[in-house]
Amino acid sequence: MAVSLHGLRFKIAAAAVVKAGVYGAVRVPGAASLVERLAERMAPAGRETTGSYRGLASGLLRQALPENPGAGLVYDPIAGLVPGTAEPAADVQDLARRAEQDPTAANLIAAAAAYRKPYVDDQQTAADLYELAFSENPGDLRAAEGVLTCGSRSHYDWPRIWSVLGELKPRRGPLRAGSGFWRAFDAVFTPAPSAEEVRAAAAQVHYQEHRLPRLHQLLLETLAARMQYLGRFTAGTRLRQAMAANRVHELSGIPLESATWHKHLLGGYAYIGDDAALLHTARKPSVVARTASVQRQLQKLAADAALWTGDAGPLREHARARQAETPAPGEEQMRQLVAGKRIAVVGPAAGDGLGELIDSYDAVVRTRHTPAGMPVDAGTRTDIAYYAGRDLLRDYDQIAAAADSGAFQLAVTRPFFVQAPSLQQQWPAWLRPARFEYGLYFRGAPQGLQRIIYDLLQFAPAEIAVFNADFYAGQALAVAGYRASYTAFGPFNQTNDVVAMHDLAHEFRWVQGVQDAGLITAHGAAAEVLGLSQTAYLQRLEAGPLGLGSGN
């Protein structure tokens, strides 16, 4: 999810100062109860609290209060699975009714956020609600972000998306609305821009590259997404580099109100390749109000920063400490399968005739439990199967039956699925939630293969070997039959998530980094692609099934 930081530098610093003051005050005997009562009085009654300054201030006060973690397991967006008391998931229909009865921007956004949750996954309804919220309050950038992300994942109507995001064009300066830059880009937000119009927009990215960081974060993300959906991954990456530069400018050198801002700053440094600043900032975060949960978040991000530079030691130490702090389902079985073992990670791309080698490993790990491809290419065994949210819930009965039959030993899903109502009722013994995921992704979240490698590294395997992975730089998105919706970008196509929810250039560099550090060994097509420069990789994407020849 893109986070708009444009022009917020002063507000972030001011919020940090206020929060630090409250954090210090509540340590005085008796003060915590006063602050808690004040937070309750400030919270808007009967409305979604983040839609007003009173609600935001109330939340700020609550975050500074002493923590009282529960004995259960809850999801933290930065730290992953942490001690806490699980609260019932928000009822989507209740939120929708409240938004219908009182259609404030905040209530509409709350309902939209519920519909876009992975275990609900109604992106179309979410997009509709975000549009209504934007019409109610064009200044609420959560609505604009939702229009972009949920719209591109569902209806894929770019004139409709641009009618909202285009409102963020600057009114002054060299890139003001109406300039040649925007005339070129307006043309590509039509249903079917010509090849010449796409080339003209890409040329503007090149010509105006030095000015791009001045644009609004969400505006840059909209341009980056559209260019990549049109097969121009080089231009899209340049636009996201401008976003990263903007983000670093906004967040560096000021006190930060939360670890979320710290995460965004570290992600910006990683994206622009400033490893020295990344490590320095990870070691000396400027986050105020160091509660136990914030300390946990900062430690996790520091481990991720070390991994970005090739050191997996801090990640393994952090994982061991977290496992001792709060055991999670399936972790002991995972340790037995992985620790000290030779692990083959097998993707869904075309194989290289290495099936026998794959089956020779101590454990075989796949995206989904069924081998993608023929045995000669993909092998026959599956010990650990990783599932994204859509696949897990859609195919749950089939996966459960496969687990009962012994088709695999353990399945792993994303950590936030501990919040899925259908799984909360009775968590299956064959399913493990990953404890946490890599946190320095500048845009979105890691894809399946990267999530798998990161998760395995925490358990100190003897070897991680990667097979049948071409990072979308091959001749097809995946082997035939892997996923029916793996076709060119378009309305309601799951392939859209490759751009809407991920950043292929960053993920390519991440996997290259762990390979260069000796943490993985790539075979076949994976080794060939990881040997490319980023420039050559982006060119391969543009020539491949996601690129210029895909008919997008």
Protein backbone atom coordinates (compact mmCIF):
# COMPACT_ATOMS: atom_id res chain seq x y z
CA MET A 1 0.00 0.00 0.00
CA ALA A 2 1.40 3.38 -0.93
CA VAL A 3 1.70 5.82 1.95
CA SER A 4 1.49 9.50 1.12
CA LEU A 5 4.14 11.46 2.97
CA HIS A 6 4.14 14.57 0.78
CA GLY A 7 4.19 17.71 2.94
CA LEU A 8 3.74 15.82 6.20
CA ARG A 9 7.23 16.33 7.61
CA PHE A 10 6.20 18.95 10.16
CA LYS A 11 3.07 17.06 11.23
CA ILE A 12 5.01 13.83 11.76
CA ALA A 13 7.61 15.59 13.89
CA ALA A 14 4.96 17.46 15.88
CA ALA A 15 3.05 14.25 16.56
CA ALA A 16 6.29 12.63 17.73
CA VAL A 17 6.96 15.45 20.19
CA VAL A 18 3.43 15.23 21.60
CA LYS A 19 3.58 11.46 21.90
CA ALA A 20 6.97 11.59 23.60
CA GLY A 21 5.61 14.05 26.14
CA VAL A 22 2.59 11.88 26.89
CA TYR A 23 4.78 8.78 27.07
CA GLY A 24 6.90 10.45 29.73
CA ALA A 25 3.90 11.81 31.61
CA VAL A 26 2.06 8.51 31.95
CA ARG A 27 5.01 7.06 33.85
CA VAL A 28 4.07 9.37 36.73
CA PRO A 29 1.90 7.48 39.26
CA GLY A 30 -1.79 8.04 38.56
CA ALA A 31 -1.25 9.86 35.27
CA ALA A 32 -2.01 6.88 33.04
CA SER A 33 -5.64 6.69 34.17
CA LEU A 34 -6.09 10.41 33.52
CA VAL A 35 -4.66 10.09 30.01
CA GLU A 36 -6.88 7.08 29.33
CA ARG A 37 -9.99 8.99 30.39
CA LEU A 38 -8.95 11.94 28.25
CA ALA A 39 -8.48 9.63 25.25
CA GLU A 40 -11.96 8.19 25.79
CA ARG A 41 -13.51 11.66 25.97
CA MET A 42 -11.75 12.79 22.81
CA ALA A 43 -12.77 9.76 20.73
CA PRO A 44 -15.72 10.61 18.43
CA ALA A 45 -18.81 8.70 19.53
CA GLY A 46 -20.30 6.26 17.03
CA ARG A 47 -17.85 7.03 14.24
CA GLU A 48 -14.65 5.64 12.82
CA THR A 49 -12.03 7.33 14.97
CA THR A 50 -9.29 8.05 12.43
CA GLY A 51 -11.50 10.33 10.38
CA SER A 52 -11.06 13.39 12.60
CA TYR A 53 -8.30 15.21 14.43
CA ARG A 54 -10.03 14.37 17.71
CA GLY A 55 -9.95 10.70 16.83
CA LEU A 56 -6.32 10.83 15.76
CA ALA A 57 -5.36 12.63 18.96
CA SER A 58 -7.25 10.03 20.99
CA GLY A 59 -5.35 7.26 19.27
CA LEU A 60 -2.05 9.04 19.86
CA LEU A 61 -2.76 9.21 23.58
CA ARG A 62 -3.70 5.53 23.75
CA GLN A 63 -0.51 4.47 22.00
CA ALA A 64 1.58 6.13 24.70
CA LEU A 65 -0.15 4.29 27.55
CA PRO A 66 1.53 1.36 29.34
CA GLU A 67 0.85 -1.91 27.57
CA ASN A 68 -0.94 -4.92 28.96
CA PRO A 69 -0.43 -7.73 26.43
CA GLY A 70 -2.66 -10.76 26.57
CA ALA A 71 -1.73 -14.40 26.45
CA GLY A 72 -2.86 -15.03 22.89
CA LEU A 73 -1.34 -14.35 19.49
CA VAL A 74 -2.25 -11.30 17.42
CA TYR A 75 -0.93 -9.73 14.24
CA ASP A 76 1.23 -6.61 14.25
CA PRO A 77 1.85 -5.19 10.73
CA ILE A 78 5.56 -4.67 11.47
CA ALA A 79 6.53 -7.23 14.11
CA GLY A 80 4.23 -10.00 12.87
CA LEU A 81 2.73 -12.37 15.43
CA VAL A 82 3.02 -10.92 18.94
CA PRO A 83 1.52 -11.55 22.38
CA GLY A 84 -1.94 -10.09 22.72
CA THR A 85 -5.63 -10.67 23.13
CA ALA A 86 -7.39 -11.38 19.86
CA GLU A 87 -10.39 -9.18 19.24
CA PRO A 88 -13.31 -10.28 17.08
CA ALA A 89 -12.87 -9.26 13.48
CA ALA A 90 -14.92 -6.26 12.44
CA ASP A 91 -18.22 -7.34 10.95
CA VAL A 92 -18.14 -6.23 7.33
CA GLN A 93 -21.90 -5.94 7.05
CA ASP A 94 -22.12 -3.84 10.22
CA LEU A 95 -19.49 -1.46 8.88
CA ALA A 96 -21.28 -1.30 5.54
CA ARG A 97 -24.59 -0.47 7.24
CA ARG A 98 -22.95 2.25 9.32
CA ALA A 99 -21.41 3.74 6.18
CA GLU A 100 -24.79 3.68 4.45
CA GLN A 101 -26.58 5.30 7.39
CA ASP A 102 -23.85 7.86 8.09
CA PRO A 103 -21.78 8.20 4.90
CA THR A 104 -18.88 10.21 6.27
CA ALA A 105 -15.54 9.68 4.59
CA ALA A 106 -14.24 7.95 7.72
CA ASN A 107 -17.12 5.48 7.89
CA LEU A 108 -16.90 4.74 4.18
CA ILE A 109 -13.15 4.14 4.48
CA ALA A 110 -13.63 1.83 7.47
CA ALA A 111 -16.08 -0.28 5.46
CA ALA A 112 -13.80 -0.27 2.42
CA ALA A 113 -10.84 -1.38 4.54
CA ALA A 114 -12.87 -4.33 5.81
CA TYR A 115 -13.89 -5.38 2.31
CA ARG A 116 -10.28 -5.33 1.07
CA LYS A 117 -8.97 -7.59 3.86
CA PRO A 118 -7.36 -10.72 2.38
CA TYR A 119 -9.89 -13.01 4.05
CA VAL A 120 -12.79 -10.99 2.57
CA ASP A 121 -11.14 -9.90 -0.70
CA ASP A 122 -13.98 -7.93 -2.27
CA GLN A 123 -11.81 -5.39 -4.06
CA GLN A 124 -14.62 -4.08 -6.27
CA THR A 125 -16.84 -3.08 -3.34
CA ALA A 126 -13.84 -1.60 -1.57
CA ALA A 127 -13.00 0.48 -4.65
CA ASP A 128 -16.58 1.75 -4.88
CA LEU A 129 -16.59 2.78 -1.21
CA TYR A 130 -13.23 4.51 -1.50
CA GLU A 131 -14.57 6.54 -4.43
CA LEU A 132 -17.55 7.62 -2.34
CA ALA A 133 -15.20 8.54 0.50
CA PHE A 134 -13.07 10.64 -1.83
CA SER A 135 -16.14 12.50 -3.04
CA GLU A 136 -17.03 13.22 0.60
CA ASN A 137 -13.52 14.34 1.55
CA PRO A 138 -10.96 14.77 -1.26
CA GLY A 139 -8.37 15.59 1.39
CA ASP A 140 -8.42 12.10 2.90
CA LEU A 141 -5.61 10.38 1.06
CA ARG A 142 -6.61 6.96 2.34
CA ALA A 143 -9.53 7.20 -0.05
CA ALA A 144 -7.28 8.07 -3.00
CA GLU A 145 -4.92 5.20 -2.17
CA GLY A 146 -7.85 2.79 -1.99
CA VAL A 147 -9.19 3.93 -5.34
CA LEU A 148 -5.81 3.18 -6.92
CA THR A 149 -5.01 -0.13 -5.25
CA CYS A 150 -8.46 -1.70 -5.12
CA GLY A 151 -9.45 -0.30 -8.50
CA SER A 152 -6.39 -1.73 -10.23
CA ARG A 153 -7.01 -5.09 -8.54
CA SER A 154 -10.66 -5.21 -9.62
CA HIS A 155 -12.38 -3.17 -12.33
CA TYR A 156 -9.08 -1.99 -13.88
CA ASP A 157 -10.85 1.09 -15.25
CA TRP A 158 -7.99 3.55 -15.66
CA PRO A 159 -10.02 6.61 -16.72
CA ARG A 160 -12.10 6.05 -13.57
CA ILE A 161 -8.99 5.71 -11.39
CA TRP A 162 -7.38 8.77 -12.98
CA SER A 163 -10.49 10.88 -12.37
CA VAL A 164 -9.60 10.63 -8.67
CA LEU A 165 -5.80 10.41 -8.58
CA GLY A 166 -5.40 13.07 -11.26
CA GLU A 167 -6.73 15.56 -8.73
CA LEU A 168 -3.33 15.39 -7.01
CA LYS A 169 -1.54 17.17 -9.85
CA PRO A 170 0.35 20.23 -8.59
CA ARG A 171 -1.07 23.64 -9.39
CA ARG A 172 2.31 25.36 -9.58
CA GLY A 173 5.85 24.63 -10.71
CA PRO A 174 7.40 23.07 -13.82
CA LEU A 175 5.19 19.97 -13.51
CA ARG A 176 1.97 21.85 -12.86
CA ALA A 177 -1.33 20.62 -14.22
CA GLY A 178 -1.70 21.38 -17.92
CA SER A 179 2.02 21.13 -18.69
CA GLY A 180 3.42 18.91 -21.42
CA PHE A 181 4.31 16.32 -18.81
CA TRP A 182 0.68 15.87 -17.86
CA ARG A 183 -0.62 16.02 -21.40
CA ALA A 184 1.58 13.01 -22.14
CA PHE A 185 0.35 11.14 -19.08
CA ASP A 186 -3.31 12.01 -19.51
CA ALA A 187 -3.12 10.13 -22.81
CA VAL A 188 -2.08 6.84 -21.18
CA PHE A 189 -4.97 6.86 -18.72
CA THR A 190 -7.36 6.08 -21.56
CA PRO A 191 -8.68 2.54 -22.03
CA ALA A 192 -6.26 1.66 -24.85
CA PRO A 193 -3.39 4.13 -25.34
CA SER A 194 -1.36 3.78 -28.50
CA ALA A 195 2.24 2.59 -28.51
CA GLU A 196 3.32 6.11 -29.43
CA GLU A 197 1.44 7.59 -26.47
CA VAL A 198 3.07 5.09 -24.11
CA ARG A 199 6.51 5.93 -25.51
CA ALA A 200 5.83 9.65 -25.06
CA ALA A 201 4.90 9.18 -21.40
CA ALA A 202 8.00 7.05 -20.78
CA ALA A 203 10.12 9.74 -22.42
CA GLN A 204 8.69 12.33 -20.03
CA VAL A 205 9.79 10.18 -17.09
CA HIS A 206 13.32 10.25 -18.46
CA TYR A 207 13.33 13.99 -19.26
CA GLN A 208 11.83 15.08 -15.94
CA GLU A 209 13.55 12.52 -13.72
CA HIS A 210 15.24 15.20 -11.59
CA ARG A 211 11.88 16.87 -10.87
CA LEU A 212 9.84 13.76 -10.13
CA PRO A 213 10.66 13.55 -6.37
CA ARG A 214 8.76 16.83 -5.90
CA LEU A 215 5.48 15.22 -6.90
CA HIS A 216 2.97 13.75 -4.50
CA GLN A 217 3.74 10.20 -3.36
CA LEU A 218 0.35 8.84 -4.42
CA LEU A 219 0.57 10.61 -7.74
CA LEU A 220 3.97 9.05 -8.40
CA GLU A 221 2.65 5.63 -7.42
CA THR A 222 -0.27 6.02 -9.82
CA LEU A 223 2.08 6.86 -12.68
CA ALA A 224 4.42 4.02 -11.73
CA ALA A 225 1.60 1.50 -11.62
CA ARG A 226 0.10 2.60 -14.93
CA MET A 227 3.44 2.49 -16.73
CA GLN A 228 4.15 -1.02 -15.45
CA TYR A 229 0.70 -2.22 -16.40
CA LEU A 230 1.51 -0.92 -19.88
CA GLY A 231 4.72 -2.97 -19.91
CA ARG A 232 7.14 -0.12 -19.17
CA PHE A 233 8.93 -1.49 -16.12
CA THR A 234 12.00 0.71 -16.51
CA ALA A 235 9.92 3.88 -16.40
CA GLY A 236 7.85 2.48 -13.53
CA THR A 237 10.99 1.75 -11.52
CA ARG A 238 12.30 5.28 -12.10
CA LEU A 239 9.04 6.66 -10.78
CA ARG A 240 9.28 4.50 -7.68
CA GLN A 241 12.87 5.62 -7.19
CA ALA A 242 11.52 9.17 -7.17
CA MET A 243 9.00 8.08 -4.54
CA ALA A 244 11.80 6.65 -2.42
CA ALA A 245 13.83 9.86 -2.69
CA ASN A 246 10.75 11.84 -1.67
CA ARG A 247 10.18 9.53 1.27
CA VAL A 248 13.75 9.82 2.53
CA HIS A 249 13.57 13.61 2.27
CA GLU A 250 10.33 13.74 4.26
CA LEU A 251 11.36 11.39 7.06
CA SER A 252 15.10 11.75 7.63
CA GLY A 253 16.42 13.96 10.40
CA ILE A 254 13.18 14.36 12.37
CA PRO A 255 11.68 12.56 15.39
CA LEU A 256 9.27 9.86 14.23
CA GLU A 257 5.95 9.23 15.91
CA SER A 258 5.87 5.49 15.26
CA ALA A 259 7.86 2.54 13.97
CA THR A 260 5.71 2.67 10.85
CA TRP A 261 7.44 5.87 9.73
CA HIS A 262 10.79 4.30 10.61
CA LYS A 263 9.90 1.34 8.40
CA HIS A 264 9.07 3.66 5.51
CA LEU A 265 12.35 5.52 5.94
CA LEU A 266 14.38 2.31 5.96
CA GLY A 267 12.49 1.08 2.91
CA GLY A 268 13.31 4.30 1.10
CA TYR A 269 17.02 3.97 1.86
CA ALA A 270 16.98 0.36 0.64
CA TYR A 271 15.24 1.30 -2.59
CA ILE A 272 17.68 4.06 -3.50
CA GLY A 273 20.60 1.83 -2.50
CA ASP A 274 21.97 3.88 0.40
CA ASP A 275 23.04 0.93 2.56
CA ALA A 276 25.21 3.03 4.88
CA ALA A 277 22.29 5.29 5.81
CA LEU A 278 20.03 2.24 6.08
CA LEU A 279 22.24 0.50 8.64
CA HIS A 280 22.96 3.68 10.58
CA THR A 281 19.26 4.54 10.83
CA ALA A 282 18.34 0.98 11.79
CA ARG A 283 20.89 1.08 14.62
CA LYS A 284 19.84 4.55 15.81
CA PRO A 285 16.11 4.97 15.15
CA SER A 286 14.55 8.34 15.91
CA VAL A 287 11.27 6.80 17.05
CA VAL A 288 9.86 8.19 20.30
CA ALA A 289 7.74 6.39 22.93
CA ARG A 290 9.72 3.14 23.12
CA THR A 291 7.06 0.84 24.51
CA ALA A 292 7.74 -2.90 24.55
CA SER A 293 5.82 -3.36 21.31
CA VAL A 294 7.72 -0.52 19.62
CA GLN A 295 11.03 -2.00 20.78
CA ARG A 296 10.01 -5.32 19.26
CA GLN A 297 9.17 -3.59 15.99
CA LEU A 298 12.50 -1.76 15.89
CA GLN A 299 14.45 -4.95 16.59
CA LYS A 300 12.63 -6.71 13.78
CA LEU A 301 13.38 -3.88 11.33
CA ALA A 302 17.04 -3.82 12.38
CA ALA A 303 17.27 -7.54 11.61
CA ASP A 304 15.72 -6.91 8.20
CA ALA A 305 18.20 -4.12 7.49
CA ALA A 306 21.07 -6.46 8.31
CA LEU A 307 19.64 -9.10 5.97
CA TRP A 308 19.39 -6.55 3.15
CA THR A 309 23.15 -6.16 3.43
CA GLY A 310 23.73 -9.92 3.51
CA ASP A 311 23.81 -10.75 7.23
CA ALA A 312 21.16 -13.29 8.30
CA GLY A 313 22.51 -13.64 11.86
CA PRO A 314 20.37 -10.91 13.46
CA LEU A 315 17.26 -12.31 11.79
CA ARG A 316 17.89 -15.78 13.20
CA GLU A 317 18.61 -14.40 16.67
CA HIS A 318 15.46 -12.29 16.58
CA ALA A 319 13.39 -15.24 15.38
CA ARG A 320 14.68 -17.46 18.19
CA ALA A 321 13.87 -14.81 20.79
CA ARG A 322 10.38 -14.33 19.40
CA GLN A 323 9.71 -18.06 19.26
CA ALA A 324 10.72 -18.36 22.91
CA GLU A 325 8.55 -15.37 23.83
CA THR A 326 5.37 -16.63 22.18
CA PRO A 327 5.17 -20.06 20.52
CA ALA A 328 3.10 -20.19 17.35
CA PRO A 329 1.28 -23.10 15.69
CA GLY A 330 3.48 -25.40 13.62
CA GLU A 331 6.80 -23.80 14.54
CA GLU A 332 8.33 -26.85 16.18
CA GLN A 333 7.43 -29.02 13.20
CA MET A 334 8.90 -26.38 10.89
CA ARG A 335 12.13 -26.41 12.86
CA GLN A 336 12.37 -30.19 12.59
CA LEU A 337 11.83 -30.05 8.84
CA VAL A 338 14.22 -27.19 8.11
CA ALA A 339 16.95 -26.62 10.72
CA GLY A 340 20.27 -27.92 9.48
CA LYS A 341 18.64 -29.50 6.41
CA ARG A 342 19.15 -29.10 2.67
CA ILE A 343 16.03 -27.39 1.33
CA ALA A 344 14.83 -27.22 -2.28
CA VAL A 345 12.51 -24.30 -3.03
CA VAL A 346 10.59 -24.95 -6.24
CA GLY A 347 8.70 -22.23 -8.06
CA PRO A 348 5.96 -22.50 -10.70
CA ALA A 349 8.05 -21.49 -13.73
CA ALA A 350 9.11 -23.83 -16.52
CA GLY A 351 11.63 -26.39 -15.32
CA ASP A 352 15.14 -27.29 -16.39
CA GLY A 353 15.02 -31.08 -16.19
CA LEU A 354 16.22 -31.06 -12.57
CA GLY A 355 13.36 -33.02 -11.01
CA GLU A 356 15.60 -35.81 -9.76
CA LEU A 357 17.95 -33.31 -8.11
CA ILE A 358 14.98 -31.57 -6.47
CA ASP A 359 13.73 -34.83 -4.96
CA SER A 360 17.19 -35.56 -3.53
CA TYR A 361 16.95 -32.70 -1.02
CA ASP A 362 16.00 -33.27 2.62
CA ALA A 363 12.85 -31.20 2.23
CA VAL A 364 11.05 -29.89 -0.85
CA VAL A 365 9.17 -26.60 -0.54
CA ARG A 366 6.67 -25.34 -3.08
CA THR A 367 4.17 -22.60 -3.74
CA ARG A 368 1.05 -24.76 -3.30
CA HIS A 369 1.33 -28.48 -2.59
CA THR A 370 0.89 -29.84 -6.12
CA PRO A 371 4.09 -29.86 -8.21
CA ALA A 372 3.86 -27.37 -11.06
CA GLY A 373 5.04 -29.19 -14.16
CA MET A 374 6.16 -32.69 -15.07
CA PRO A 375 8.20 -34.81 -12.62
CA VAL A 376 11.29 -34.56 -14.82
CA ASP A 377 11.25 -30.79 -14.28
CA ALA A 378 9.51 -30.28 -10.94
CA GLY A 379 10.15 -33.46 -8.99
CA THR A 380 7.43 -35.36 -7.19
CA ARG A 381 7.64 -34.61 -3.45
CA THR A 382 6.20 -31.78 -1.41
CA ASP A 383 7.09 -31.46 2.25
CA ILE A 384 6.16 -27.84 2.91
CA ALA A 385 3.59 -25.91 0.87
CA TYR A 386 3.23 -22.13 1.06
CA TYR A 387 -0.12 -20.53 0.37
CA ALA A 388 -1.13 -16.96 -0.31
CA GLY A 389 -4.44 -15.87 1.14
CA ARG A 390 -6.63 -16.12 -1.94
CA ASP A 391 -5.48 -19.64 -2.75
CA LEU A 392 -5.75 -20.88 0.83
CA LEU A 393 -9.33 -19.79 1.42
CA ARG A 394 -10.58 -20.55 -2.07
CA ASP A 395 -9.14 -24.08 -2.11
CA TYR A 396 -9.32 -24.78 1.62
CA ASP A 397 -11.29 -28.04 1.44
CA GLN A 398 -8.99 -29.44 -1.24
CA ILE A 399 -5.87 -28.45 0.72
CA ALA A 400 -7.23 -29.94 3.95
CA ALA A 401 -7.99 -33.21 2.16
CA ALA A 402 -4.46 -33.27 0.73
CA ALA A 403 -3.03 -32.72 4.21
CA ASP A 404 -5.12 -35.58 5.60
CA SER A 405 -3.90 -37.86 2.80
CA GLY A 406 -0.24 -37.09 3.54
CA ALA A 407 0.39 -35.20 0.29
CA PHE A 408 2.51 -32.76 2.30
CA GLN A 409 3.69 -32.42 5.89
CA LEU A 410 3.05 -28.76 6.63
CA ALA A 411 1.42 -25.76 4.96
CA VAL A 412 2.45 -22.18 5.70
CA THR A 413 0.37 -19.07 5.20
CA ARG A 414 0.83 -15.36 5.84
CA PRO A 415 0.84 -14.16 9.46
CA PHE A 416 -2.25 -11.97 9.29
CA PHE A 417 -4.41 -15.02 8.65
CA VAL A 418 -4.53 -15.57 12.40
CA GLN A 419 -7.25 -12.89 12.11
CA ALA A 420 -9.32 -14.76 9.52
CA PRO A 421 -12.67 -15.57 11.17
CA SER A 422 -12.97 -18.94 9.42
CA LEU A 423 -9.58 -20.05 10.78
CA GLN A 424 -9.97 -18.52 14.23
CA GLN A 425 -12.79 -20.93 14.99
CA GLN A 426 -10.47 -23.93 14.71
CA TRP A 427 -6.90 -23.57 13.54
CA PRO A 428 -5.92 -26.71 11.56
CA ALA A 429 -2.98 -28.75 12.83
CA TRP A 430 -1.41 -28.91 9.36
CA LEU A 431 -1.23 -25.10 8.94
CA ARG A 432 1.47 -22.78 10.27
CA PRO A 433 1.24 -18.98 10.14
CA ALA A 434 4.59 -17.43 9.26
CA ARG A 435 5.73 -15.45 12.28
CA PHE A 436 6.63 -12.35 10.32
CA GLU A 437 7.60 -11.16 6.85
CA TYR A 438 10.38 -9.01 5.48
CA GLY A 439 9.59 -5.43 6.46
CA LEU A 440 11.67 -3.13 4.26
CA TYR A 441 9.67 -3.50 1.08
CA PHE A 442 9.22 -0.02 -0.26
CA ARG A 443 6.00 -0.85 -2.06
CA GLY A 444 3.51 -3.51 -1.05
CA ALA A 445 4.72 -6.85 0.25
CA PRO A 446 7.10 -9.63 -0.79
CA GLN A 447 5.96 -12.16 -3.35
CA GLY A 448 5.72 -15.88 -2.72
CA LEU A 449 9.27 -16.98 -3.48
CA GLN A 450 10.80 -14.14 -1.49
CA ARG A 451 8.49 -14.82 1.45
CA ILE A 452 9.50 -18.47 1.40
CA ILE A 453 13.24 -17.74 1.40
CA TYR A 454 12.89 -15.19 4.20
CA ASP A 455 10.83 -17.58 6.31
CA LEU A 456 13.22 -20.49 5.80
CA LEU A 457 16.27 -18.40 6.70
CA GLN A 458 14.91 -17.95 10.22
CA PHE A 459 15.32 -21.69 10.88
CA ALA A 460 19.00 -21.91 9.82
CA PRO A 461 18.88 -24.56 7.09
CA ALA A 462 22.15 -26.01 5.81
CA GLU A 463 21.25 -24.95 2.25
CA ILE A 464 18.44 -23.26 0.36
CA ALA A 465 18.45 -24.16 -3.34
CA VAL A 466 16.06 -22.38 -5.72
CA PHE A 467 14.62 -24.12 -8.77
CA ASN A 468 12.05 -23.30 -11.47
CA ALA A 469 11.94 -19.56 -10.82
CA ASP A 470 12.45 -16.93 -13.51
CA PHE A 471 10.99 -13.91 -11.68
CA TYR A 472 8.58 -13.23 -14.58
CA ALA A 473 11.50 -12.85 -16.99
CA GLY A 474 10.76 -16.08 -18.87
CA GLN A 475 8.50 -16.93 -21.78
CA ALA A 476 5.39 -17.59 -19.67
CA LEU A 477 4.06 -16.44 -16.31
CA ALA A 478 4.03 -20.03 -15.02
CA VAL A 479 3.73 -23.58 -16.30
CA ALA A 480 0.40 -24.46 -17.84
CA GLY A 481 -2.29 -25.22 -15.29
CA TYR A 482 -0.62 -23.55 -12.33
CA ARG A 483 -3.23 -20.84 -11.96
CA ALA A 484 -6.10 -20.13 -14.33
CA SER A 485 -5.97 -16.37 -13.77
CA TYR A 486 -2.30 -16.06 -14.73
CA THR A 487 -2.80 -14.15 -17.97
CA ALA A 488 -2.16 -10.60 -19.14
CA PHE A 489 -3.23 -7.71 -16.93
CA GLY A 490 -6.91 -6.82 -17.06
CA PRO A 491 -10.17 -6.57 -15.13
CA PHE A 492 -10.38 -8.87 -12.10
CA ASN A 493 -7.18 -10.70 -13.00
CA GLN A 494 -5.03 -11.96 -10.15
CA THR A 495 -1.94 -11.12 -12.20
CA ASN A 496 -2.68 -7.45 -11.49
CA ASP A 497 -1.34 -7.99 -7.98
CA VAL A 498 2.18 -8.30 -9.40
CA VAL A 499 2.15 -4.51 -9.82
CA ALA A 500 -0.54 -3.38 -7.39
CA MET A 501 0.90 -5.23 -4.40
CA HIS A 502 4.58 -5.75 -5.22
CA ASP A 503 7.70 -4.23 -6.74
CA LEU A 504 9.52 -6.59 -9.08
CA ALA A 505 12.72 -4.53 -9.27
CA HIS A 506 13.12 -4.41 -5.50
CA GLU A 507 12.35 -8.09 -5.10
CA PHE A 508 14.87 -8.96 -7.81
CA ARG A 509 17.56 -7.00 -5.95
CA TRP A 510 16.59 -8.64 -2.65
CA VAL A 511 16.98 -12.17 -4.03
CA GLN A 512 20.22 -11.18 -5.74
CA GLY A 513 21.45 -9.91 -2.39
CA VAL A 514 20.77 -13.13 -0.49
CA GLN A 515 22.37 -15.08 -3.32
CA ASP A 516 25.47 -12.87 -3.32
CA ALA A 517 25.70 -13.38 0.46
CA GLY A 518 25.75 -17.15 -0.04
CA LEU A 519 22.39 -17.64 1.66
CA ILE A 520 20.77 -19.34 -1.34
CA THR A 521 21.96 -21.28 -4.39
CA ALA A 522 20.09 -20.78 -7.65
CA HIS A 523 19.79 -23.43 -10.35
CA GLY A 524 18.75 -23.35 -13.99
CA ALA A 525 16.70 -20.36 -15.09
CA ALA A 526 16.85 -18.85 -11.61
CA ALA A 527 20.65 -18.70 -11.77
CA GLU A 528 20.57 -17.20 -15.25
CA VAL A 529 18.08 -14.45 -14.36
CA LEU A 530 19.80 -13.58 -11.08
CA GLY A 531 23.01 -13.08 -13.04
CA LEU A 532 21.46 -10.12 -14.88
CA SER A 533 21.89 -6.48 -13.97
CA GLN A 534 18.75 -4.66 -12.85
CA THR A 535 18.67 -2.81 -16.17
CA ALA A 536 18.84 -6.07 -18.12
CA TYR A 537 16.23 -7.66 -15.85
CA LEU A 538 13.77 -4.82 -16.44
CA GLN A 539 14.36 -5.12 -20.17
CA ARG A 540 13.58 -8.84 -19.94
CA LEU A 541 10.35 -8.04 -18.13
CA GLU A 542 9.42 -5.60 -20.87
CA ALA A 543 10.05 -8.23 -23.54
CA GLY A 544 8.24 -10.99 -21.64
CA PRO A 545 4.67 -11.97 -20.78
CA LEU A 546 4.12 -8.94 -18.51
CA GLY A 547 5.70 -6.51 -20.92
CA LEU A 548 5.23 -4.76 -24.20
CA GLY A 549 4.38 -7.91 -26.09
CA SER A 550 1.67 -9.06 -23.69
CA GLY A 551 -1.16 -7.04 -25.19
CA ASN A 552 -1.72 -5.00 -22.02
